[in-house]
PDB file of N, CA and C in Angstrom:
ATOM      1  N   MET A   1      92.414  64.840-131.719  1.00  0.00           N
ATOM      2  CA  MET A   1      91.569  65.436-132.558  1.00  0.00           C
ATOM      3  C   MET A   1      90.362  65.038-132.980  1.00  0.00           C
ATOM      4  N   LEU A   2      90.752  63.681-133.222  1.00  0.00           N
ATOM      5  CA  LEU A   2      89.435  62.811-134.019  1.00  0.00           C
ATOM      6  C   LEU A   2      88.496  62.451-133.085  1.00  0.00           C
ATOM      7  N   VAL A   3      88.765  62.500-131.521  1.00  0.00           N
ATOM      8  CA  VAL A   3      87.525  61.697-131.061  1.00  0.00           C
ATOM      9  C   VAL A   3      87.075  62.791-130.087  1.00  0.00           C
ATOM     10  N   GLY A   4      88.196  64.249-129.742  1.00  0.00           N
ATOM     11  CA  GLY A   4      87.849  64.977-128.372  1.00  0.00           C
ATOM     12  C   GLY A   4      87.085  65.457-128.927  1.00  0.00           C
ATOM     13  N   HIS A   5      85.989  66.033-128.038  1.00  0.00           N
ATOM     14  CA  HIS A   5      84.792  67.150-128.393  1.00  0.00           C
ATOM     15  C   HIS A   5      84.875  68.546-127.433  1.00  0.00           C
ATOM     16  N   ASP A   6      86.388  68.894-127.601  1.00  0.00           N
ATOM     17  CA  ASP A   6      86.649  70.345-127.036  1.00  0.00           C
ATOM     18  C   ASP A   6      86.266  71.388-128.250  1.00  0.00           C
ATOM     19  N   LEU A   7      86.687  70.673-129.763  1.00  0.00           N
ATOM     20  CA  LEU A   7      86.650  71.615-130.656  1.00  0.00           C
ATOM     21  C   LEU A   7      85.434  70.842-131.294  1.00  0.00           C
ATOM     22  N   PRO A   8      84.587  72.048-132.175  1.00  0.00           N
ATOM     23  CA  PRO A   8      83.512  71.836-132.851  1.00  0.00           C
ATOM     24  C   PRO A   8      83.727  70.892-134.049  1.00  0.00           C
ATOM     25  N   LEU A   9      82.550  69.930-134.478  1.00  0.00           N
ATOM     26  CA  LEU A   9      83.117  69.028-135.511  1.00  0.00           C
ATOM     27  C   LEU A   9      83.659  69.543-136.706  1.00  0.00           C
ATOM     28  N   ARG A  10      83.142  70.734-137.029  1.00  0.00           N
ATOM     29  CA  ARG A  10      83.565  71.620-138.339  1.00  0.00           C
ATOM     30  C   ARG A  10      85.420  71.919-138.402  1.00  0.00           C
ATOM     31  N   SER A  11      85.412  71.759-136.958  1.00  0.00           N
ATOM     32  CA  SER A  11      86.945  72.685-136.847  1.00  0.00           C
ATOM     33  C   SER A  11      87.727  71.514-136.584  1.00  0.00           C
ATOM     34  N   ARG A  12      87.264  69.982-135.978  1.00  0.00           N
ATOM     35  CA  ARG A  12      88.350  68.897-136.454  1.00  0.00           C
ATOM     36  C   ARG A  12      88.109  68.393-137.543  1.00  0.00           C
ATOM     37  N   ALA A  13      86.860  68.581-138.452  1.00  0.00           N
ATOM     38  CA  ALA A  13      87.288  67.965-139.862  1.00  0.00           C
ATOM     39  C   ALA A  13      88.429  68.872-140.654  1.00  0.00           C
ATOM     40  N   ALA A  14      87.960  70.144-140.313  1.00  0.00           N
ATOM     41  CA  ALA A  14      89.164  71.065-141.130  1.00  0.00           C
ATOM     42  C   ALA A  14      90.426  70.668-140.433  1.00  0.00           C
ATOM     43  N   GLY A  15      90.907  70.761-139.647  1.00  0.00           N
ATOM     44  CA  GLY A  15      91.635  69.978-138.825  1.00  0.00           C
ATOM     45  C   GLY A  15      92.617  69.053-139.520  1.00  0.00           C
ATOM     46  N   VAL A  16      92.114  67.825-139.467  1.00  0.00           N
ATOM     47  CA  VAL A  16      92.396  66.317-140.007  1.00  0.00           C
ATOM     48  C   VAL A  16      92.421  66.886-141.912  1.00  0.00           C
ATOM     49  N   ILE A  17      91.896  67.712-142.491  1.00  0.00           N
ATOM     50  CA  ILE A  17      92.201  67.759-143.821  1.00  0.00           C
ATOM     51  C   ILE A  17      93.438  68.526-144.073  1.00  0.00           C
ATOM     52  N   VAL A  18      93.674  69.576-143.238  1.00  0.00           N
ATOM     53  CA  VAL A  18      95.205  70.209-143.468  1.00  0.00           C
ATOM     54  C   VAL A  18      96.114  69.414-142.702  1.00  0.00           C
ATOM     55  N   LEU A  19      96.324  68.494-141.666  1.00  0.00           N
ATOM     56  CA  LEU A  19      97.036  67.528-141.514  1.00  0.00           C
ATOM     57  C   LEU A  19      97.117  66.302-142.813  1.00  0.00           C
ATOM     58  N   LEU A  20      96.242  65.650-143.067  1.00  0.00           N
ATOM     59  CA  LEU A  20      96.453  64.643-143.865  1.00  0.00           C
ATOM     60  C   LEU A  20      97.072  65.166-145.606  1.00  0.00           C
ATOM     61  N   TYR A  21      95.643  66.070-145.790  1.00  0.00           N
ATOM     62  CA  TYR A  21      95.943  66.487-147.697  1.00  0.00           C
ATOM     63  C   TYR A  21      96.754  67.742-147.352  1.00  0.00           C
ATOM     64  N   ALA A  22      97.068  68.301-146.226  1.00  0.00           N
ATOM     65  CA  ALA A  22      97.746  69.779-146.355  1.00  0.00           C
ATOM     66  C   ALA A  22      97.399  70.699-147.533  1.00  0.00           C
ATOM     67  N   GLN A  23      95.903  70.720-147.128  1.00  0.00           N
ATOM     68  CA  GLN A  23      95.131  71.668-147.979  1.00  0.00           C
ATOM     69  C   GLN A  23      94.723  73.150-146.986  1.00  0.00           C
ATOM     70  N   PRO A  24      94.875  74.394-147.822  1.00  0.00           N
ATOM     71  CA  PRO A  24      94.565  75.454-147.403  1.00  0.00           C
ATOM     72  C   PRO A  24      93.401  75.926-146.594  1.00  0.00           C
ATOM     73  N   LEU A  25      92.787  76.471-145.953  1.00  0.00           N
ATOM     74  CA  LEU A  25      91.913  76.692-145.182  1.00  0.00           C
ATOM     75  C   LEU A  25      90.784  77.351-146.218  1.00  0.00           C
ATOM     76  N   SER A  26      91.281  78.324-147.025  1.00  0.00           N
ATOM     77  CA  SER A  26      90.372  78.354-148.074  1.00  0.00           C
ATOM     78  C   SER A  26      89.842  77.624-149.078  1.00  0.00           C
ATOM     79  N   ARG A  27      90.592  76.736-149.131  1.00  0.00           N
ATOM     80  CA  ARG A  27      89.842  75.968-150.221  1.00  0.00           C
ATOM     81  C   ARG A  27      88.801  74.667-149.223  1.00  0.00           C
ATOM     82  N   ILE A  28      89.095  74.672-147.958  1.00  0.00           N
ATOM     83  CA  ILE A  28      88.262  73.575-147.006  1.00  0.00           C
ATOM     84  C   ILE A  28      87.126  73.967-146.968  1.00  0.00           C
ATOM     85  N   VAL A  29      87.167  75.435-146.629  1.00  0.00           N
ATOM     86  CA  VAL A  29      85.803  76.067-146.562  1.00  0.00           C
ATOM     87  C   VAL A  29      84.818  76.149-147.882  1.00  0.00           C
ATOM     88  N   ARG A  30      85.692  75.668-148.945  1.00  0.00           N
ATOM     89  CA  ARG A  30      84.767  75.779-150.281  1.00  0.00           C
ATOM     90  C   ARG A  30      84.297  74.255-150.462  1.00  0.00           C
ATOM     91  N   LEU A  31      84.716  73.565-149.495  1.00  0.00           N
ATOM     92  CA  LEU A  31      84.061  71.498-149.585  1.00  0.00           C
ATOM     93  C   LEU A  31      82.726  71.596-149.927  1.00  0.00           C
ATOM     94  N   THR A  32      82.011  70.812-150.169  1.00  0.00           N
ATOM     95  CA  THR A  32      80.401  71.111-150.605  1.00  0.00           C
ATOM     96  C   THR A  32      80.364  69.355-150.325  1.00  0.00           C
ATOM     97  N   VAL A  33      78.963  69.363-149.527  1.00  0.00           N
ATOM     98  CA  VAL A  33      78.504  67.763-149.298  1.00  0.00           C
ATOM     99  C   VAL A  33      78.774  66.602-150.658  1.00  0.00           C
ATOM    100  N   ASP A  34      78.778  67.224-151.729  1.00  0.00           N
ATOM    101  CA  ASP A  34      79.001  66.502-153.007  1.00  0.00           C
ATOM    102  C   ASP A  34      80.665  65.926-153.232  1.00  0.00           C
ATOM    103  N   ASP A  35      81.515  66.673-152.528  1.00  0.00           N
ATOM    104  CA  ASP A  35      83.268  66.374-152.458  1.00  0.00           C
ATOM    105  C   ASP A  35      83.551  65.127-151.613  1.00  0.00           C
ATOM    106  N   LEU A  36      82.263  64.887-150.797  1.00  0.00           N
ATOM    107  CA  LEU A  36      82.743  63.586-150.289  1.00  0.00           C
ATOM    108  C   LEU A  36      81.557  62.283-150.489  1.00  0.00           C
ATOM    109  N   GLY A  37      82.629  61.347-150.704  1.00  0.00           N
ATOM    110  CA  GLY A  37      81.451  60.246-151.632  1.00  0.00           C
ATOM    111  C   GLY A  37      82.371  59.074-151.134  1.00  0.00           C
ATOM    112  N   ARG A  38      81.255  58.061-151.691  1.00  0.00           N
ATOM    113  CA  ARG A  38      82.028  56.513-151.569  1.00  0.00           C
ATOM    114  C   ARG A  38      81.696  55.760-152.588  1.00  0.00           C
ATOM    115  N   ASP A  39      82.855  54.497-152.500  1.00  0.00           N
ATOM    116  CA  ASP A  39      83.332  53.828-153.682  1.00  0.00           C
ATOM    117  C   ASP A  39      83.086  52.203-152.926  1.00  0.00           C
ATOM    118  N   GLY A  40      81.989  51.983-152.818  1.00  0.00           N
ATOM    119  CA  GLY A  40      82.193  50.465-151.917  1.00  0.00           C
ATOM    120  C   GLY A  40      82.164  50.631-150.549  1.00  0.00           C
ATOM    121  N   ASP A  41      82.865  50.564-149.924  1.00  0.00           N
ATOM    122  CA  ASP A  41      83.582  50.665-148.080  1.00  0.00           C
ATOM    123  C   ASP A  41      84.294  51.772-148.371  1.00  0.00           C
ATOM    124  N   GLN A  42      84.774  51.874-149.385  1.00  0.00           N
ATOM    125  CA  GLN A  42      85.757  53.477-149.142  1.00  0.00           C
ATOM    126  C   GLN A  42      85.218  54.792-149.515  1.00  0.00           C
ATOM    127  N   VAL A  43      85.767  55.369-148.557  1.00  0.00           N
ATOM    128  CA  VAL A  43      85.327  57.169-148.920  1.00  0.00           C
ATOM    129  C   VAL A  43      86.263  57.685-149.107  1.00  0.00           C
ATOM    130  N   LEU A  44      86.052  58.902-150.029  1.00  0.00           N
ATOM    131  CA  LEU A  44      86.754  59.570-150.822  1.00  0.00           C
ATOM    132  C   LEU A  44      86.584  60.784-150.644  1.00  0.00           C
ATOM    133  N   LEU A  45      87.517  62.000-150.699  1.00  0.00           N
ATOM    134  CA  LEU A  45      87.405  63.231-150.423  1.00  0.00           C
ATOM    135  C   LEU A  45      87.810  63.886-151.574  1.00  0.00           C
ATOM    136  N   ARG A  46      87.293  64.637-152.307  1.00  0.00           N
ATOM    137  CA  ARG A  46      87.528  65.119-153.953  1.00  0.00           C
ATOM    138  C   ARG A  46      88.440  66.330-153.610  1.00  0.00           C
ATOM    139  N   LEU A  47      89.474  66.544-153.587  1.00  0.00           N
ATOM    140  CA  LEU A  47      90.291  67.736-153.748  1.00  0.00           C
ATOM    141  C   LEU A  47      91.139  68.111-154.834  1.00  0.00           C
ATOM    142  N   GLY A  48      90.693  67.419-156.036  1.00  0.00           N
ATOM    143  CA  GLY A  48      90.942  67.361-157.194  1.00  0.00           C
ATOM    144  C   GLY A  48      90.891  66.305-158.105  1.00  0.00           C
ATOM    145  N   GLU A  49      91.089  65.697-159.193  1.00  0.00           N
ATOM    146  CA  GLU A  49      91.136  64.253-159.532  1.00  0.00           C
ATOM    147  C   GLU A  49      92.097  63.206-159.663  1.00  0.00           C
ATOM    148  N   PRO A  50      92.330  62.184-159.498  1.00  0.00           N
ATOM    149  CA  PRO A  50      91.136  61.654-158.815  1.00  0.00           C
ATOM    150  C   PRO A  50      90.932  62.118-157.013  1.00  0.00           C
ATOM    151  N   PRO A  51      89.523  61.760-156.825  1.00  0.00           N
ATOM    152  CA  PRO A  51      89.698  61.959-155.249  1.00  0.00           C
ATOM    153  C   PRO A  51      90.446  61.043-154.767  1.00  0.00           C
ATOM    154  N   SER A  52      90.326  61.782-153.499  1.00  0.00           N
ATOM    155  CA  SER A  52      92.031  60.928-152.463  1.00  0.00           C
ATOM    156  C   SER A  52      90.694  60.018-151.467  1.00  0.00           C
ATOM    157  N   PRO A  53      91.333  59.018-151.359  1.00  0.00           N
ATOM    158  CA  PRO A  53      91.195  57.890-150.322  1.00  0.00           C
ATOM    159  C   PRO A  53      91.058  58.394-149.122  1.00  0.00           C
ATOM    160  N   VAL A  54      90.042  58.299-147.777  1.00  0.00           N
ATOM    161  CA  VAL A  54      90.168  58.951-146.793  1.00  0.00           C
ATOM    162  C   VAL A  54      90.400  57.491-145.398  1.00  0.00           C
ATOM    163  N   PRO A  55      91.252  57.520-144.530  1.00  0.00           N
ATOM    164  CA  PRO A  55      91.223  56.686-143.665  1.00  0.00           C
ATOM    165  C   PRO A  55      90.160  56.285-142.938  1.00  0.00           C
ATOM    166  N   ALA A  56      90.065  54.758-142.385  1.00  0.00           N
ATOM    167  CA  ALA A  56      88.759  54.846-141.859  1.00  0.00           C
ATOM    168  C   ALA A  56      88.545  55.622-140.765  1.00  0.00           C
ATOM    169  N   PRO A  57      89.162  56.034-139.397  1.00  0.00           N
ATOM    170  CA  PRO A  57      89.076  56.765-138.446  1.00  0.00           C
ATOM    171  C   PRO A  57      88.858  58.485-138.786  1.00  0.00           C
ATOM    172  N   VAL A  58      89.251  58.621-139.919  1.00  0.00           N
ATOM    173  CA  VAL A  58      88.999  60.269-140.377  1.00  0.00           C
ATOM    174  C   VAL A  58      87.275  60.342-141.014  1.00  0.00           C
ATOM    175  N   ALA A  59      87.369  59.211-141.764  1.00  0.00           N
ATOM    176  CA  ALA A  59      86.325  59.157-142.577  1.00  0.00           C
ATOM    177  C   ALA A  59      84.862  58.755-141.828  1.00  0.00           C
ATOM    178  N   GLU A  60      85.070  59.085-140.911  1.00  0.00           N
ATOM    179  CA  GLU A  60      83.749  58.554-139.930  1.00  0.00           C
ATOM    180  C   GLU A  60      83.512  60.404-139.582  1.00  0.00           C
ATOM    181  N   LEU A  61      84.737  60.718-138.849  1.00  0.00           N
ATOM    182  CA  LEU A  61      84.370  62.108-138.813  1.00  0.00           C
ATOM    183  C   LEU A  61      84.167  62.855-139.720  1.00  0.00           C
ATOM    184  N   LEU A  62      84.825  62.892-140.936  1.00  0.00           N
ATOM    185  CA  LEU A  62      84.405  63.748-142.067  1.00  0.00           C
ATOM    186  C   LEU A  62      82.741  63.606-142.556  1.00  0.00           C
ATOM    187  N   LEU A  63      82.401  61.882-142.469  1.00  0.00           N
ATOM    188  CA  LEU A  63      81.182  61.699-142.762  1.00  0.00           C
ATOM    189  C   LEU A  63      79.976  62.226-141.424  1.00  0.00           C
ATOM    190  N   ALA A  64      80.397  62.437-140.331  1.00  0.00           N
ATOM    191  CA  ALA A  64      79.794  62.995-139.250  1.00  0.00           C
ATOM    192  C   ALA A  64      79.629  64.477-139.888  1.00  0.00           C
ATOM    193  N   TRP A  65      80.527  65.316-139.798  1.00  0.00           N
ATOM    194  CA  TRP A  65      80.362  66.865-140.493  1.00  0.00           C
ATOM    195  C   TRP A  65      79.614  67.031-141.618  1.00  0.00           C
ATOM    196  N   ILE A  66      80.115  66.247-142.781  1.00  0.00           N
ATOM    197  CA  ILE A  66      79.083  66.560-143.870  1.00  0.00           C
ATOM    198  C   ILE A  66      77.818  66.008-143.729  1.00  0.00           C
ATOM    199  N   GLY A  67      77.066  64.881-142.792  1.00  0.00           N
ATOM    200  CA  GLY A  67      75.825  64.601-142.487  1.00  0.00           C
ATOM    201  C   GLY A  67      75.253  66.007-141.874  1.00  0.00           C
ATOM    202  N   ARG A  68      76.034  66.400-141.162  1.00  0.00           N
ATOM    203  CA  ARG A  68      75.344  67.790-140.078  1.00  0.00           C
ATOM    204  C   ARG A  68      75.378  68.961-140.917  1.00  0.00           C
ATOM    205  N   THR A  69      76.392  69.176-141.677  1.00  0.00           N
ATOM    206  CA  THR A  69      76.395  70.121-143.020  1.00  0.00           C
ATOM    207  C   THR A  69      75.129  70.071-143.826  1.00  0.00           C
ATOM    208  N   ALA A  70      74.730  68.579-144.491  1.00  0.00           N
ATOM    209  CA  ALA A  70      73.698  68.197-145.244  1.00  0.00           C
ATOM    210  C   ALA A  70      72.267  68.201-144.100  1.00  0.00           C
ATOM    211  N   ALA A  71      72.372  68.196-143.123  1.00  0.00           N
ATOM    212  CA  ALA A  71      70.742  68.557-142.395  1.00  0.00           C
ATOM    213  C   ALA A  71      70.660  69.786-142.572  1.00  0.00           C
ATOM    214  N   ILE A  72      71.366  70.706-141.990  1.00  0.00           N
ATOM    215  CA  ILE A  72      70.871  72.532-141.995  1.00  0.00           C
ATOM    216  C   ILE A  72      70.479  73.015-143.177  1.00  0.00           C
ATOM    217  N   GLN A  73      71.281  72.182-143.852  1.00  0.00           N
ATOM    218  CA  GLN A  73      70.986  73.114-145.419  1.00  0.00           C
ATOM    219  C   GLN A  73      69.972  73.359-145.768  1.00  0.00           C
ATOM    220  N   PRO A  74      68.783  72.644-145.666  1.00  0.00           N
ATOM    221  CA  PRO A  74      67.311  73.099-145.976  1.00  0.00           C
ATOM    222  C   PRO A  74      66.859  74.355-145.311  1.00  0.00           C
ATOM    223  N   HIS A  75      67.363  73.985-143.900  1.00  0.00           N
ATOM    224  CA  HIS A  75      66.778  74.721-142.853  1.00  0.00           C
ATOM    225  C   HIS A  75      67.406  76.123-143.064  1.00  0.00           C
ATOM    226  N   VAL A  76      68.361  76.769-143.590  1.00  0.00           N
ATOM    227  CA  VAL A  76      69.149  77.570-143.945  1.00  0.00           C
ATOM    228  C   VAL A  76      68.429  78.066-145.286  1.00  0.00           C
ATOM    229  N   LEU A  77      68.098  77.486-146.352  1.00  0.00           N
ATOM    230  CA  LEU A  77      67.218  77.760-147.307  1.00  0.00           C
ATOM    231  C   LEU A  77      65.832  78.547-146.996  1.00  0.00           C
ATOM    232  N   THR A  78      65.387  78.166-146.088  1.00  0.00           N
ATOM    233  CA  THR A  78      63.911  78.264-145.407  1.00  0.00           C
ATOM    234  C   THR A  78      63.894  79.707-144.405  1.00  0.00           C
ATOM    235  N   ILE A  79      64.637  79.192-143.646  1.00  0.00           N
ATOM    236  CA  ILE A  79      64.842  80.497-142.300  1.00  0.00           C
ATOM    237  C   ILE A  79      66.018  81.468-142.744  1.00  0.00           C
ATOM    238  N   PRO A  80      65.596  82.865-142.038  1.00  0.00           N
ATOM    239  CA  PRO A  80      66.646  83.403-142.018  1.00  0.00           C
ATOM    240  C   PRO A  80      68.359  83.113-141.209  1.00  0.00           C
ATOM    241  N   ALA A  81      69.158  83.327-142.087  1.00  0.00           N
ATOM    242  CA  ALA A  81      70.614  82.803-141.926  1.00  0.00           C
ATOM    243  C   ALA A  81      70.939  83.404-140.820  1.00  0.00           C
ATOM    244  N   PRO A  82      70.336  84.559-140.312  1.00  0.00           N
ATOM    245  CA  PRO A  82      71.050  84.777-138.435  1.00  0.00           C
ATOM    246  C   PRO A  82      69.974  83.720-137.381  1.00  0.00           C
ATOM    247  N   VAL A  83      68.856  83.525-137.994  1.00  0.00           N
ATOM    248  CA  VAL A  83      68.473  82.838-136.823  1.00  0.00           C
ATOM    249  C   VAL A  83      68.781  81.016-137.048  1.00  0.00           C
ATOM    250  N   VAL A  84      69.071  80.779-138.060  1.00  0.00           N
ATOM    251  CA  VAL A  84      70.124  79.313-138.125  1.00  0.00           C
ATOM    252  C   VAL A  84      71.480  79.595-137.640  1.00  0.00           C
ATOM    253  N   ALA A  85      72.269  80.382-137.538  1.00  0.00           N
ATOM    254  CA  ALA A  85      73.294  80.871-137.211  1.00  0.00           C
ATOM    255  C   ALA A  85      73.221  80.894-135.410  1.00  0.00           C
ATOM    256  N   ASP A  86      72.171  81.409-135.226  1.00  0.00           N
ATOM    257  CA  ASP A  86      72.272  81.710-133.482  1.00  0.00           C
ATOM    258  C   ASP A  86      72.051  80.445-133.050  1.00  0.00           C
ATOM    259  N   ALA A  87      70.692  79.573-133.525  1.00  0.00           N
ATOM    260  CA  ALA A  87      70.567  78.010-133.106  1.00  0.00           C
ATOM    261  C   ALA A  87      71.206  77.174-132.573  1.00  0.00           C
ATOM    262  N   LEU A  88      72.232  77.172-134.240  1.00  0.00           N
ATOM    263  CA  LEU A  88      73.140  75.997-134.471  1.00  0.00           C
ATOM    264  C   LEU A  88      74.856  76.278-133.983  1.00  0.00           C
ATOM    265  N   GLY A  89      74.798  77.919-133.608  1.00  0.00           N
ATOM    266  CA  GLY A  89      76.192  78.289-133.343  1.00  0.00           C
ATOM    267  C   GLY A  89      77.025  78.137-133.960  1.00  0.00           C
ATOM    268  N   TYR A  90      76.601  78.932-135.468  1.00  0.00           N
ATOM    269  CA  TYR A  90      77.529  79.202-136.675  1.00  0.00           C
ATOM    270  C   TYR A  90      77.934  80.267-136.086  1.00  0.00           C
ATOM    271  N   HIS A  91      78.635  80.942-137.586  1.00  0.00           N
ATOM    272  CA  HIS A  91      78.744  82.796-136.985  1.00  0.00           C
ATOM    273  C   HIS A  91      77.913  82.702-137.978  1.00  0.00           C
ATOM    274  N   PRO A  92      76.991  83.934-137.831  1.00  0.00           N
ATOM    275  CA  PRO A  92      76.117  84.424-139.336  1.00  0.00           C
ATOM    276  C   PRO A  92      76.622  84.351-140.664  1.00  0.00           C
ATOM    277  N   VAL A  93      77.730  84.773-141.224  1.00  0.00           N
ATOM    278  CA  VAL A  93      78.428  84.450-142.135  1.00  0.00           C
ATOM    279  C   VAL A  93      78.718  83.530-142.577  1.00  0.00           C
ATOM    280  N   THR A  94      78.669  82.508-142.180  1.00  0.00           N
ATOM    281  CA  THR A  94      78.416  81.066-142.592  1.00  0.00           C
ATOM    282  C   THR A  94      77.433  80.683-143.051  1.00  0.00           C
ATOM    283  N   THR A  95      76.321  81.091-142.151  1.00  0.00           N
ATOM    284  CA  THR A  95      75.082  80.587-142.919  1.00  0.00           C
ATOM    285  C   THR A  95      74.775  81.332-144.089  1.00  0.00           C
ATOM    286  N   THR A  96      75.127  82.917-143.941  1.00  0.00           N
ATOM    287  CA  THR A  96      74.697  83.339-145.084  1.00  0.00           C
ATOM    288  C   THR A  96      75.272  82.974-146.616  1.00  0.00           C
ATOM    289  N   THR A  97      76.727  82.507-146.315  1.00  0.00           N
ATOM    290  CA  THR A  97      77.460  81.857-146.701  1.00  0.00           C
ATOM    291  C   THR A  97      76.618  80.962-147.845  1.00  0.00           C
ATOM    292  N   THR A  98      76.031  79.839-146.899  1.00  0.00           N
ATOM    293  CA  THR A  98      75.385  78.733-147.574  1.00  0.00           C
ATOM    294  C   THR A  98      74.230  79.002-147.997  1.00  0.00           C
ATOM    295  N   ASN A  99      73.856  79.983-147.777  1.00  0.00           N
ATOM    296  CA  ASN A  99      72.186  80.305-148.272  1.00  0.00           C
ATOM    297  C   ASN A  99      72.130  80.676-149.594  1.00  0.00           C
ATOM    298  N   THR A 100      73.071  81.091-150.191  1.00  0.00           N
ATOM    299  CA  THR A 100      73.605  81.670-151.279  1.00  0.00           C
ATOM    300  C   THR A 100      74.306  80.988-152.489  1.00  0.00           C
ATOM    301  N   ARG A 101      74.626  79.678-151.996  1.00  0.00           N
ATOM    302  CA  ARG A 101      74.972  78.734-152.950  1.00  0.00           C
ATOM    303  C   ARG A 101      74.217  77.785-153.421  1.00  0.00           C
TER     304      ARG A 101
END
């Protein structure tokens, strides 16, 4: 699940959060780029207080997922959501939701 590329990055990231932290998908979809942070070399995921440490292999996956999400946000805010969804392979509802945050 961590290194296979047969699933989209967002699905792999959500899957490891479910497996490691027993979080429901309804909570995972509300995570933002601000919920993943660093404290020195440690990557932390804010699911509550205090943030939870993330094991190294999972940290790389989550950082890649958050990096991609952060990269598309400016585009979602300036380009019509359906265009972004089509170009990046997202469901139109996903980009519309991101556009309203």
